[in-house]
Amino acid sequence: MERRQLAELLAAVQRGDCSIDQALARLRAMPFEDLGFARLDHHRALRNGFPEVILGEGKSPEQLIAIAERMAAAGSRVLVTRLAPEGGERLLAALPGFEYHPTPRLALRRAGSAPPTGRGTVLVVSAGTADLPVAEEAALSAELMGNRVERVYDVGVAGLHRLLERRDHAVRGVAALAGDRGCTDPEARSGGHRRGHARREPARRRG
């Protein structure tokens, strides 16, 4: 349950649209729900602003579907990372409302079409096409967390002019992703104003 949902439930009780017993039934799974093989942290969104993220890697399809189903039943946004295409197909076949993105190997449930609640735009920048899986994982995760996201891909230092057309865009944060050699220029990532103060952070490769 997320903060917005809890506020709506309490308001319904206050208006008399929801009885105390009904509200208690809705809250019975808080702060966690024990599935035997997993304990779902339904309180995570209230504490941190976003529900618990499901790591698809290493879970059986049955376990993954059960976890995603219970989180969706709680009304939460759901994010599943490192999910192979076969697992994504089974998840979509079992549960409505989910979508699967093969490039980042990621599944998600948006739980409504609320407008972005972040404080600004997040710019996701990748050096090369090989970085797209990690870049899209970052972009989709940021969007699901309520941020406006802009993507600028394949703008490594060998062709830095491809990035210059975006230099006037106002953004709140930048996720810069590069391959093993970190082929984005530190000065470019800092807007040309802080030479030597930006670090190269290679994109993490998933096996």
N, C-alpha and C. Protein backbone atom coordinates (compact mmCIF):
# COMPACT_ATOMS: atom_id res chain seq x y z
N MET A 1 0.84 -1.20 0.00
CA MET A 1 0.00 0.00 0.00
C MET A 1 0.88 1.25 0.00
N GLU A 2 0.55 2.18 -0.88
CA GLU A 2 1.33 3.41 -0.97
C GLU A 2 0.64 4.53 -0.21
N ARG A 3 1.37 5.61 0.00
CA ARG A 3 0.87 6.73 0.81
C ARG A 3 -0.47 7.26 0.30
N ARG A 4 -0.58 7.40 -1.03
CA ARG A 4 -1.82 7.91 -1.61
C ARG A 4 -3.00 7.00 -1.28
N GLN A 5 -2.77 5.67 -1.39
CA GLN A 5 -3.85 4.73 -1.11
C GLN A 5 -4.26 4.76 0.36
N LEU A 6 -3.29 4.88 1.25
CA LEU A 6 -3.61 4.93 2.67
C LEU A 6 -4.41 6.19 2.99
N ALA A 7 -4.02 7.32 2.40
CA ALA A 7 -4.74 8.57 2.63
C ALA A 7 -6.18 8.46 2.12
N GLU A 8 -6.37 7.84 0.95
CA GLU A 8 -7.72 7.66 0.41
C GLU A 8 -8.57 6.77 1.31
N LEU A 9 -7.95 5.72 1.85
CA LEU A 9 -8.68 4.81 2.73
C LEU A 9 -9.12 5.51 4.01
N LEU A 10 -8.22 6.27 4.61
CA LEU A 10 -8.56 6.99 5.83
C LEU A 10 -9.64 8.05 5.58
N ALA A 11 -9.57 8.70 4.42
CA ALA A 11 -10.58 9.69 4.07
C ALA A 11 -11.95 9.03 3.89
N ALA A 12 -11.95 7.81 3.31
CA ALA A 12 -13.21 7.08 3.13
C ALA A 12 -13.81 6.71 4.48
N VAL A 13 -12.99 6.34 5.44
CA VAL A 13 -13.47 6.05 6.79
C VAL A 13 -14.04 7.31 7.42
N GLN A 14 -13.37 8.41 7.23
CA GLN A 14 -13.82 9.68 7.81
C GLN A 14 -15.16 10.12 7.23
N ARG A 15 -15.36 9.88 5.93
CA ARG A 15 -16.62 10.25 5.28
C ARG A 15 -17.75 9.28 5.60
N GLY A 16 -17.40 8.11 6.10
CA GLY A 16 -18.41 7.09 6.35
C GLY A 16 -18.64 6.17 5.17
N ASP A 17 -17.81 6.31 4.12
CA ASP A 17 -17.95 5.45 2.95
C ASP A 17 -17.33 4.07 3.17
N CYS A 18 -16.52 3.94 4.20
CA CYS A 18 -15.84 2.68 4.50
C CYS A 18 -15.91 2.45 6.00
N SER A 19 -16.34 1.25 6.40
CA SER A 19 -16.44 0.96 7.82
C SER A 19 -15.06 0.66 8.41
N ILE A 20 -14.95 0.70 9.70
CA ILE A 20 -13.69 0.40 10.36
C ILE A 20 -13.29 -1.05 10.06
N ASP A 21 -14.27 -1.97 10.09
CA ASP A 21 -13.96 -3.37 9.80
C ASP A 21 -13.44 -3.55 8.37
N GLN A 22 -14.04 -2.81 7.45
CA GLN A 22 -13.56 -2.90 6.06
C GLN A 22 -12.14 -2.36 5.94
N ALA A 23 -11.88 -1.25 6.65
CA ALA A 23 -10.54 -0.68 6.61
C ALA A 23 -9.52 -1.63 7.23
N LEU A 24 -9.88 -2.27 8.33
CA LEU A 24 -8.98 -3.23 8.96
C LEU A 24 -8.69 -4.41 8.04
N ALA A 25 -9.71 -4.82 7.28
CA ALA A 25 -9.51 -5.92 6.33
C ALA A 25 -8.50 -5.52 5.25
N ARG A 26 -8.58 -4.26 4.81
CA ARG A 26 -7.64 -3.76 3.81
C ARG A 26 -6.22 -3.69 4.37
N LEU A 27 -6.10 -3.41 5.65
CA LEU A 27 -4.79 -3.18 6.27
C LEU A 27 -4.19 -4.44 6.88
N ARG A 28 -4.89 -5.55 6.80
CA ARG A 28 -4.46 -6.74 7.54
C ARG A 28 -3.10 -7.26 7.07
N ALA A 29 -2.73 -6.98 5.83
CA ALA A 29 -1.45 -7.48 5.31
C ALA A 29 -0.29 -6.55 5.64
N MET A 30 -0.54 -5.44 6.31
CA MET A 30 0.54 -4.53 6.65
C MET A 30 1.12 -4.94 8.00
N PRO A 31 2.44 -4.76 8.20
CA PRO A 31 3.40 -4.19 7.25
C PRO A 31 3.99 -5.20 6.27
N PHE A 32 3.74 -6.51 6.47
CA PHE A 32 4.26 -7.47 5.51
C PHE A 32 3.29 -8.64 5.37
N GLU A 33 3.48 -9.39 4.29
CA GLU A 33 2.64 -10.55 4.02
C GLU A 33 3.54 -11.76 3.83
N ASP A 34 3.30 -12.81 4.57
CA ASP A 34 4.14 -14.01 4.54
C ASP A 34 3.57 -15.02 3.55
N LEU A 35 4.34 -15.28 2.49
CA LEU A 35 3.94 -16.26 1.48
C LEU A 35 4.60 -17.61 1.70
N GLY A 36 5.36 -17.74 2.77
CA GLY A 36 6.08 -18.96 3.04
C GLY A 36 7.48 -18.92 2.48
N PHE A 37 7.62 -18.65 1.18
CA PHE A 37 8.93 -18.54 0.54
C PHE A 37 9.40 -17.09 0.45
N ALA A 38 8.53 -16.16 0.75
CA ALA A 38 8.88 -14.74 0.69
C ALA A 38 7.98 -13.95 1.65
N ARG A 39 8.54 -12.89 2.22
CA ARG A 39 7.78 -11.98 3.06
C ARG A 39 7.73 -10.62 2.36
N LEU A 40 6.57 -10.28 1.86
CA LEU A 40 6.43 -9.06 1.06
C LEU A 40 6.33 -7.84 1.97
N ASP A 41 7.17 -6.88 1.70
CA ASP A 41 7.23 -5.66 2.51
C ASP A 41 6.25 -4.64 1.95
N HIS A 42 4.97 -4.75 2.32
CA HIS A 42 3.96 -3.81 1.83
C HIS A 42 4.13 -2.42 2.43
N HIS A 43 4.94 -2.28 3.45
CA HIS A 43 5.17 -0.99 4.09
C HIS A 43 6.27 -0.17 3.40
N ARG A 44 6.97 -0.80 2.46
CA ARG A 44 8.14 -0.14 1.86
C ARG A 44 7.78 1.20 1.21
N ALA A 45 6.65 1.24 0.51
CA ALA A 45 6.28 2.48 -0.16
C ALA A 45 5.98 3.60 0.83
N LEU A 46 5.41 3.26 1.98
CA LEU A 46 5.13 4.27 2.99
C LEU A 46 6.41 4.82 3.59
N ARG A 47 7.42 3.96 3.72
CA ARG A 47 8.69 4.39 4.32
C ARG A 47 9.58 5.12 3.32
N ASN A 48 9.65 4.57 2.11
CA ASN A 48 10.65 5.05 1.14
C ASN A 48 10.08 5.72 -0.09
N GLY A 49 8.76 5.66 -0.28
CA GLY A 49 8.15 6.31 -1.43
C GLY A 49 7.96 5.42 -2.64
N PHE A 50 8.48 4.19 -2.60
CA PHE A 50 8.31 3.27 -3.73
C PHE A 50 8.26 1.85 -3.20
N PRO A 51 7.39 1.00 -3.78
CA PRO A 51 7.27 -0.38 -3.28
C PRO A 51 8.55 -1.19 -3.48
N GLU A 52 8.57 -2.32 -2.81
CA GLU A 52 9.68 -3.25 -2.93
C GLU A 52 9.82 -3.70 -4.38
N VAL A 53 11.07 -3.73 -4.88
CA VAL A 53 11.35 -4.16 -6.25
C VAL A 53 11.60 -5.67 -6.25
N ILE A 54 11.04 -6.35 -7.24
CA ILE A 54 11.18 -7.80 -7.34
C ILE A 54 12.37 -8.13 -8.25
N LEU A 55 13.30 -8.90 -7.74
CA LEU A 55 14.40 -9.40 -8.56
C LEU A 55 13.94 -10.70 -9.20
N GLY A 56 13.81 -10.70 -10.52
CA GLY A 56 13.31 -11.88 -11.21
C GLY A 56 14.33 -13.00 -11.27
N GLU A 57 15.59 -12.66 -11.30
CA GLU A 57 16.66 -13.64 -11.41
C GLU A 57 16.66 -14.58 -10.21
N GLY A 58 16.69 -15.89 -10.47
CA GLY A 58 16.79 -16.87 -9.40
C GLY A 58 15.46 -17.33 -8.83
N LYS A 59 14.36 -16.72 -9.24
CA LYS A 59 13.04 -17.13 -8.75
C LYS A 59 12.36 -18.03 -9.78
N SER A 60 11.61 -18.99 -9.29
CA SER A 60 10.83 -19.83 -10.20
C SER A 60 9.67 -19.01 -10.75
N PRO A 61 9.12 -19.38 -11.90
CA PRO A 61 7.96 -18.65 -12.43
C PRO A 61 6.80 -18.61 -11.45
N GLU A 62 6.60 -19.69 -10.72
CA GLU A 62 5.49 -19.74 -9.76
C GLU A 62 5.72 -18.74 -8.62
N GLN A 63 6.94 -18.69 -8.13
CA GLN A 63 7.26 -17.73 -7.05
C GLN A 63 7.10 -16.30 -7.54
N LEU A 64 7.62 -16.02 -8.72
CA LEU A 64 7.56 -14.67 -9.26
C LEU A 64 6.11 -14.22 -9.46
N ILE A 65 5.30 -15.09 -10.04
CA ILE A 65 3.90 -14.74 -10.29
C ILE A 65 3.16 -14.53 -8.98
N ALA A 66 3.41 -15.38 -8.00
CA ALA A 66 2.73 -15.23 -6.70
C ALA A 66 3.09 -13.90 -6.04
N ILE A 67 4.36 -13.54 -6.07
CA ILE A 67 4.79 -12.27 -5.46
C ILE A 67 4.16 -11.09 -6.20
N ALA A 68 4.25 -11.10 -7.53
CA ALA A 68 3.71 -9.99 -8.32
C ALA A 68 2.20 -9.88 -8.14
N GLU A 69 1.52 -11.01 -8.04
CA GLU A 69 0.06 -11.00 -7.87
C GLU A 69 -0.33 -10.35 -6.55
N ARG A 70 0.38 -10.68 -5.48
CA ARG A 70 0.04 -10.11 -4.17
C ARG A 70 0.36 -8.62 -4.11
N MET A 71 1.45 -8.21 -4.74
CA MET A 71 1.78 -6.79 -4.75
C MET A 71 0.77 -6.00 -5.58
N ALA A 72 0.34 -6.58 -6.69
CA ALA A 72 -0.67 -5.92 -7.51
C ALA A 72 -2.00 -5.85 -6.77
N ALA A 73 -2.34 -6.92 -6.03
CA ALA A 73 -3.59 -6.93 -5.26
C ALA A 73 -3.60 -5.85 -4.19
N ALA A 74 -2.41 -5.48 -3.71
CA ALA A 74 -2.31 -4.41 -2.72
C ALA A 74 -2.41 -3.03 -3.36
N GLY A 75 -2.51 -2.99 -4.70
CA GLY A 75 -2.64 -1.72 -5.41
C GLY A 75 -1.34 -1.02 -5.70
N SER A 76 -0.24 -1.74 -5.54
CA SER A 76 1.07 -1.12 -5.71
C SER A 76 1.51 -1.09 -7.16
N ARG A 77 2.36 -0.13 -7.48
CA ARG A 77 3.15 -0.23 -8.69
C ARG A 77 4.09 -1.41 -8.51
N VAL A 78 4.37 -2.14 -9.57
CA VAL A 78 5.22 -3.32 -9.46
C VAL A 78 6.34 -3.22 -10.48
N LEU A 79 7.57 -3.46 -10.01
CA LEU A 79 8.75 -3.43 -10.88
C LEU A 79 9.50 -4.74 -10.69
N VAL A 80 9.71 -5.46 -11.80
CA VAL A 80 10.45 -6.72 -11.79
C VAL A 80 11.68 -6.55 -12.66
N THR A 81 12.86 -6.75 -12.10
CA THR A 81 14.09 -6.56 -12.85
C THR A 81 14.76 -7.91 -13.14
N ARG A 82 15.67 -7.90 -14.13
CA ARG A 82 16.44 -9.09 -14.51
C ARG A 82 15.53 -10.29 -14.75
N LEU A 83 14.55 -10.07 -15.60
CA LEU A 83 13.56 -11.09 -15.91
C LEU A 83 13.75 -11.56 -17.34
N ALA A 84 14.08 -12.84 -17.51
CA ALA A 84 14.29 -13.42 -18.84
C ALA A 84 12.98 -13.38 -19.64
N PRO A 85 13.08 -13.36 -20.99
CA PRO A 85 11.87 -13.29 -21.82
C PRO A 85 10.86 -14.38 -21.52
N GLU A 86 11.34 -15.60 -21.24
CA GLU A 86 10.40 -16.69 -20.94
C GLU A 86 9.60 -16.38 -19.69
N GLY A 87 10.28 -15.84 -18.68
CA GLY A 87 9.58 -15.46 -17.45
C GLY A 87 8.62 -14.32 -17.68
N GLY A 88 9.01 -13.38 -18.55
CA GLY A 88 8.13 -12.27 -18.88
C GLY A 88 6.86 -12.74 -19.56
N GLU A 89 6.99 -13.69 -20.47
CA GLU A 89 5.81 -14.23 -21.16
C GLU A 89 4.85 -14.90 -20.18
N ARG A 90 5.39 -15.66 -19.27
CA ARG A 90 4.54 -16.36 -18.30
C ARG A 90 3.87 -15.38 -17.36
N LEU A 91 4.60 -14.32 -16.98
CA LEU A 91 4.01 -13.31 -16.09
C LEU A 91 2.85 -12.61 -16.78
N LEU A 92 3.02 -12.21 -18.03
CA LEU A 92 1.96 -11.53 -18.77
C LEU A 92 0.76 -12.43 -19.01
N ALA A 93 1.01 -13.72 -19.21
CA ALA A 93 -0.09 -14.65 -19.44
C ALA A 93 -0.89 -14.88 -18.16
N ALA A 94 -0.23 -14.76 -17.01
CA ALA A 94 -0.89 -15.06 -15.73
C ALA A 94 -1.57 -13.85 -15.12
N LEU A 95 -1.01 -12.66 -15.33
CA LEU A 95 -1.51 -11.48 -14.63
C LEU A 95 -1.81 -10.34 -15.60
N PRO A 96 -3.02 -9.79 -15.58
CA PRO A 96 -3.33 -8.64 -16.44
C PRO A 96 -2.69 -7.37 -15.87
N GLY A 97 -2.50 -6.41 -16.76
CA GLY A 97 -2.00 -5.12 -16.32
C GLY A 97 -0.50 -4.97 -16.31
N PHE A 98 0.23 -6.04 -16.62
CA PHE A 98 1.69 -5.98 -16.65
C PHE A 98 2.16 -5.79 -18.09
N GLU A 99 3.33 -5.22 -18.23
CA GLU A 99 3.97 -5.09 -19.54
C GLU A 99 5.42 -5.54 -19.40
N TYR A 100 5.94 -6.12 -20.48
CA TYR A 100 7.32 -6.62 -20.45
C TYR A 100 8.16 -5.89 -21.49
N HIS A 101 9.36 -5.48 -21.09
CA HIS A 101 10.29 -4.78 -21.97
C HIS A 101 11.53 -5.66 -22.15
N PRO A 102 11.68 -6.27 -23.33
CA PRO A 102 12.76 -7.24 -23.52
C PRO A 102 14.17 -6.66 -23.48
N THR A 103 14.36 -5.43 -23.94
CA THR A 103 15.72 -4.88 -23.98
C THR A 103 16.32 -4.78 -22.58
N PRO A 104 15.64 -4.17 -21.60
CA PRO A 104 16.19 -4.14 -20.24
C PRO A 104 15.83 -5.37 -19.41
N ARG A 105 15.10 -6.31 -20.00
CA ARG A 105 14.62 -7.51 -19.27
C ARG A 105 13.87 -7.09 -18.01
N LEU A 106 12.83 -6.33 -18.21
CA LEU A 106 12.12 -5.69 -17.10
C LEU A 106 10.62 -5.78 -17.33
N ALA A 107 9.88 -6.08 -16.26
CA ALA A 107 8.42 -6.07 -16.31
C ALA A 107 7.91 -5.06 -15.30
N LEU A 108 6.77 -4.47 -15.60
CA LEU A 108 6.23 -3.47 -14.68
C LEU A 108 4.72 -3.40 -14.76
N ARG A 109 4.16 -2.89 -13.69
CA ARG A 109 2.72 -2.60 -13.62
C ARG A 109 2.60 -1.16 -13.14
N ARG A 110 1.94 -0.33 -13.92
CA ARG A 110 1.94 1.10 -13.64
C ARG A 110 0.90 1.51 -12.60
N ALA A 111 -0.16 0.75 -12.42
CA ALA A 111 -1.18 1.04 -11.40
C ALA A 111 -1.75 2.44 -11.54
N GLY A 112 -2.29 2.74 -12.72
CA GLY A 112 -2.91 4.05 -12.92
C GLY A 112 -2.06 4.94 -13.79
N SER A 113 -2.61 6.10 -14.11
CA SER A 113 -1.93 7.05 -14.99
C SER A 113 -1.74 8.39 -14.28
N ALA A 114 -1.24 8.33 -13.05
CA ALA A 114 -1.02 9.56 -12.30
C ALA A 114 0.08 10.39 -12.95
N PRO A 115 -0.03 11.73 -12.91
CA PRO A 115 1.01 12.57 -13.50
C PRO A 115 2.31 12.44 -12.71
N PRO A 116 3.46 12.79 -13.33
CA PRO A 116 4.74 12.71 -12.62
C PRO A 116 4.73 13.53 -11.34
N THR A 117 5.33 12.99 -10.30
CA THR A 117 5.38 13.67 -9.01
C THR A 117 6.80 14.09 -8.64
N GLY A 118 7.77 13.79 -9.50
CA GLY A 118 9.16 14.16 -9.22
C GLY A 118 9.37 15.66 -9.28
N ARG A 119 10.54 16.09 -8.86
CA ARG A 119 10.85 17.52 -8.79
C ARG A 119 11.41 18.10 -10.08
N GLY A 120 11.57 17.29 -11.08
CA GLY A 120 12.12 17.77 -12.34
C GLY A 120 12.30 16.62 -13.30
N THR A 121 13.09 16.84 -14.34
CA THR A 121 13.31 15.85 -15.38
C THR A 121 14.63 15.11 -15.14
N VAL A 122 14.60 13.81 -15.33
CA VAL A 122 15.81 13.00 -15.27
C VAL A 122 16.26 12.71 -16.69
N LEU A 123 17.50 13.02 -16.99
CA LEU A 123 18.07 12.78 -18.31
C LEU A 123 18.91 11.50 -18.25
N VAL A 124 18.54 10.53 -19.07
CA VAL A 124 19.29 9.27 -19.14
C VAL A 124 20.13 9.31 -20.41
N VAL A 125 21.46 9.27 -20.24
CA VAL A 125 22.39 9.40 -21.35
C VAL A 125 23.22 8.12 -21.45
N SER A 126 23.33 7.57 -22.65
CA SER A 126 24.18 6.40 -22.85
C SER A 126 25.21 6.68 -23.92
N ALA A 127 26.39 6.09 -23.76
CA ALA A 127 27.47 6.33 -24.72
C ALA A 127 27.26 5.57 -26.01
N GLY A 128 26.83 4.32 -25.92
CA GLY A 128 26.70 3.50 -27.12
C GLY A 128 25.46 2.64 -27.12
N THR A 129 25.20 2.03 -28.26
CA THR A 129 24.03 1.18 -28.40
C THR A 129 24.08 -0.02 -27.46
N ALA A 130 25.29 -0.51 -27.16
CA ALA A 130 25.44 -1.66 -26.27
C ALA A 130 24.98 -1.35 -24.86
N ASP A 131 24.85 -0.07 -24.52
CA ASP A 131 24.43 0.33 -23.17
C ASP A 131 22.92 0.44 -23.03
N LEU A 132 22.19 0.19 -24.12
CA LEU A 132 20.73 0.35 -24.08
C LEU A 132 20.03 -0.48 -23.00
N PRO A 133 20.42 -1.73 -22.75
CA PRO A 133 19.72 -2.48 -21.70
C PRO A 133 19.76 -1.80 -20.35
N VAL A 134 20.93 -1.32 -19.95
CA VAL A 134 21.05 -0.65 -18.65
C VAL A 134 20.37 0.72 -18.69
N ALA A 135 20.51 1.42 -19.81
CA ALA A 135 19.90 2.75 -19.93
C ALA A 135 18.37 2.67 -19.85
N GLU A 136 17.79 1.70 -20.54
CA GLU A 136 16.34 1.56 -20.52
C GLU A 136 15.83 1.10 -19.16
N GLU A 137 16.62 0.28 -18.48
CA GLU A 137 16.25 -0.11 -17.12
C GLU A 137 16.19 1.12 -16.22
N ALA A 138 17.18 2.00 -16.35
CA ALA A 138 17.20 3.22 -15.55
C ALA A 138 16.04 4.14 -15.91
N ALA A 139 15.77 4.29 -17.22
CA ALA A 139 14.72 5.20 -17.67
C ALA A 139 13.33 4.73 -17.24
N LEU A 140 13.05 3.45 -17.47
CA LEU A 140 11.73 2.92 -17.11
C LEU A 140 11.53 2.92 -15.60
N SER A 141 12.57 2.61 -14.85
CA SER A 141 12.46 2.64 -13.39
C SER A 141 12.18 4.05 -12.90
N ALA A 142 12.89 5.03 -13.46
CA ALA A 142 12.67 6.42 -13.05
C ALA A 142 11.26 6.88 -13.39
N GLU A 143 10.75 6.49 -14.55
CA GLU A 143 9.38 6.84 -14.93
C GLU A 143 8.37 6.23 -13.97
N LEU A 144 8.56 4.96 -13.65
CA LEU A 144 7.63 4.28 -12.76
C LEU A 144 7.66 4.91 -11.36
N MET A 145 8.78 5.47 -10.98
CA MET A 145 8.91 6.13 -9.68
C MET A 145 8.35 7.54 -9.67
N GLY A 146 7.75 7.95 -10.80
CA GLY A 146 7.07 9.24 -10.82
C GLY A 146 7.85 10.40 -11.39
N ASN A 147 8.90 10.11 -12.14
CA ASN A 147 9.74 11.17 -12.71
C ASN A 147 9.48 11.36 -14.20
N ARG A 148 9.65 12.59 -14.65
CA ARG A 148 9.70 12.83 -16.09
C ARG A 148 11.09 12.43 -16.57
N VAL A 149 11.15 11.73 -17.69
CA VAL A 149 12.42 11.20 -18.18
C VAL A 149 12.63 11.58 -19.63
N GLU A 150 13.85 11.99 -19.94
CA GLU A 150 14.26 12.20 -21.33
C GLU A 150 15.43 11.27 -21.61
N ARG A 151 15.46 10.73 -22.81
CA ARG A 151 16.50 9.80 -23.20
C ARG A 151 17.40 10.41 -24.27
N VAL A 152 18.70 10.26 -24.11
CA VAL A 152 19.67 10.66 -25.14
C VAL A 152 20.65 9.50 -25.26
N TYR A 153 20.53 8.74 -26.35
CA TYR A 153 21.31 7.52 -26.49
C TYR A 153 22.34 7.64 -27.62
N ASP A 154 23.40 6.85 -27.48
CA ASP A 154 24.46 6.76 -28.48
C ASP A 154 25.13 8.12 -28.71
N VAL A 155 25.63 8.71 -27.63
CA VAL A 155 26.30 10.02 -27.71
C VAL A 155 27.66 9.95 -27.03
N GLY A 156 28.42 8.90 -27.32
CA GLY A 156 29.75 8.75 -26.73
C GLY A 156 30.70 9.84 -27.18
N VAL A 157 31.87 9.88 -26.55
CA VAL A 157 32.82 10.97 -26.78
C VAL A 157 33.35 11.00 -28.22
N ALA A 158 33.29 9.88 -28.94
CA ALA A 158 33.76 9.86 -30.33
C ALA A 158 32.88 10.72 -31.24
N GLY A 159 31.63 10.97 -30.81
CA GLY A 159 30.74 11.83 -31.60
C GLY A 159 29.98 12.76 -30.69
N LEU A 160 30.71 13.55 -29.94
CA LEU A 160 30.10 14.37 -28.89
C LEU A 160 29.13 15.41 -29.44
N HIS A 161 29.26 15.76 -30.72
CA HIS A 161 28.35 16.74 -31.32
C HIS A 161 26.90 16.27 -31.27
N ARG A 162 26.70 14.94 -31.14
CA ARG A 162 25.34 14.40 -31.08
C ARG A 162 24.63 14.78 -29.78
N LEU A 163 25.40 15.19 -28.79
CA LEU A 163 24.84 15.57 -27.50
C LEU A 163 24.59 17.07 -27.40
N LEU A 164 25.27 17.84 -28.21
CA LEU A 164 25.25 19.29 -28.04
C LEU A 164 23.87 19.90 -28.27
N GLU A 165 23.04 19.28 -29.10
CA GLU A 165 21.72 19.84 -29.35
C GLU A 165 20.83 19.81 -28.12
N ARG A 166 21.22 19.02 -27.09
CA ARG A 166 20.42 18.93 -25.88
C ARG A 166 21.00 19.77 -24.75
N ARG A 167 22.01 20.58 -25.01
CA ARG A 167 22.72 21.26 -23.93
C ARG A 167 21.87 22.31 -23.23
N ASP A 168 20.81 22.80 -23.86
CA ASP A 168 19.99 23.83 -23.25
C ASP A 168 18.80 23.27 -22.47
N HIS A 169 18.66 21.97 -22.40
CA HIS A 169 17.54 21.36 -21.70
C HIS A 169 17.78 21.40 -20.20
N ALA A 170 16.79 21.88 -19.47
CA ALA A 170 16.90 21.95 -18.01
C ALA A 170 16.50 20.61 -17.42
N VAL A 171 17.41 19.99 -16.68
CA VAL A 171 17.12 18.71 -16.03
C VAL A 171 17.54 18.79 -14.58
N ARG A 172 16.92 17.94 -13.78
CA ARG A 172 17.21 17.89 -12.35
C ARG A 172 18.31 16.90 -12.02
N GLY A 173 18.39 15.83 -12.80
CA GLY A 173 19.40 14.80 -12.56
C GLY A 173 19.78 14.12 -13.85
N VAL A 174 20.99 13.54 -13.88
CA VAL A 174 21.50 12.88 -15.07
C VAL A 174 21.99 11.49 -14.68
N ALA A 175 21.56 10.49 -15.44
CA ALA A 175 22.10 9.14 -15.32
C ALA A 175 22.94 8.89 -16.55
N ALA A 176 24.26 8.90 -16.40
CA ALA A 176 25.19 8.73 -17.52
C ALA A 176 25.72 7.31 -17.51
N LEU A 177 25.49 6.58 -18.62
CA LEU A 177 25.84 5.17 -18.70
C LEU A 177 26.80 4.95 -19.85
N ALA A 178 27.90 4.26 -19.54
CA ALA A 178 28.90 3.98 -20.56
C ALA A 178 29.39 2.56 -20.41
N GLY A 179 30.04 2.05 -21.45
CA GLY A 179 30.53 0.68 -21.44
C GLY A 179 31.74 0.50 -20.54
N ASP A 180 32.43 -0.60 -20.73
CA ASP A 180 33.52 -0.97 -19.82
C ASP A 180 34.63 0.06 -19.78
N ARG A 181 34.81 0.82 -20.84
CA ARG A 181 35.88 1.81 -20.85
C ARG A 181 35.38 3.20 -20.49
N GLY A 182 34.11 3.34 -20.16
CA GLY A 182 33.59 4.62 -19.72
C GLY A 182 33.68 5.69 -20.77
N CYS A 183 33.15 5.44 -21.97
CA CYS A 183 33.35 6.34 -23.10
C CYS A 183 32.38 7.51 -23.14
N THR A 184 32.21 8.18 -22.04
CA THR A 184 31.55 9.48 -22.05
C THR A 184 32.51 10.45 -21.41
N ASP A 185 32.59 11.64 -21.95
CA ASP A 185 33.54 12.62 -21.46
C ASP A 185 33.05 13.26 -20.17
N PRO A 186 33.88 13.28 -19.09
CA PRO A 186 33.44 13.88 -17.83
C PRO A 186 33.01 15.32 -17.97
N GLU A 187 33.73 16.10 -18.80
CA GLU A 187 33.36 17.50 -18.98
C GLU A 187 32.00 17.61 -19.64
N ALA A 188 31.72 16.72 -20.60
CA ALA A 188 30.42 16.76 -21.28
C ALA A 188 29.31 16.47 -20.30
N ARG A 189 29.52 15.50 -19.41
CA ARG A 189 28.45 15.13 -18.49
C ARG A 189 28.20 16.22 -17.46
N SER A 190 29.18 17.05 -17.20
CA SER A 190 28.98 18.10 -16.20
C SER A 190 28.66 19.43 -16.85
N GLY A 191 28.33 19.43 -18.14
CA GLY A 191 27.94 20.65 -18.82
C GLY A 191 29.11 21.52 -19.24
N GLY A 192 30.33 20.98 -19.15
CA GLY A 192 31.49 21.76 -19.56
C GLY A 192 31.98 22.74 -18.52
N HIS A 193 31.44 22.68 -17.30
CA HIS A 193 31.78 23.68 -16.30
C HIS A 193 32.60 23.14 -15.15
N ARG A 194 32.73 21.81 -15.08
CA ARG A 194 33.41 21.26 -13.92
C ARG A 194 34.42 20.21 -14.37
N ARG A 195 35.38 20.61 -15.14
CA ARG A 195 36.39 19.69 -15.65
C ARG A 195 37.08 18.98 -14.49
N GLY A 196 37.11 17.65 -14.57
CA GLY A 196 37.81 16.89 -13.55
C GLY A 196 36.97 16.53 -12.35
N HIS A 197 35.71 17.00 -12.28
CA HIS A 197 34.88 16.74 -11.11
C HIS A 197 33.82 15.68 -11.36
N ALA A 198 33.71 15.23 -12.58
CA ALA A 198 32.75 14.15 -12.88
C ALA A 198 33.51 12.84 -13.00
N ARG A 199 32.92 11.78 -12.54
CA ARG A 199 33.58 10.48 -12.56
C ARG A 199 33.03 9.62 -13.69
N ARG A 200 33.89 8.80 -14.23
CA ARG A 200 33.43 7.81 -15.20
C ARG A 200 32.89 6.62 -14.42
N GLU A 201 31.65 6.25 -14.73
CA GLU A 201 31.02 5.11 -14.06
C GLU A 201 30.53 4.14 -15.13
N PRO A 202 31.32 3.09 -15.40
CA PRO A 202 30.91 2.13 -16.45
C PRO A 202 29.56 1.51 -16.15
N ALA A 203 28.80 1.26 -17.20
CA ALA A 203 27.52 0.58 -17.03
C ALA A 203 27.78 -0.85 -16.58
N ARG A 204 26.96 -1.32 -15.66
CA ARG A 204 27.11 -2.68 -15.17
C ARG A 204 26.54 -3.66 -16.20
N ARG A 205 27.33 -4.61 -16.57
CA ARG A 205 26.89 -5.63 -17.53
C ARG A 205 26.20 -6.77 -16.78
N ARG A 206 25.10 -7.21 -17.31
CA ARG A 206 24.40 -8.33 -16.70
C ARG A 206 24.73 -9.59 -17.48
N GLY A 207 25.06 -10.63 -16.74
CA GLY A 207 25.41 -11.87 -17.42
C GLY A 207 24.20 -12.64 -17.86
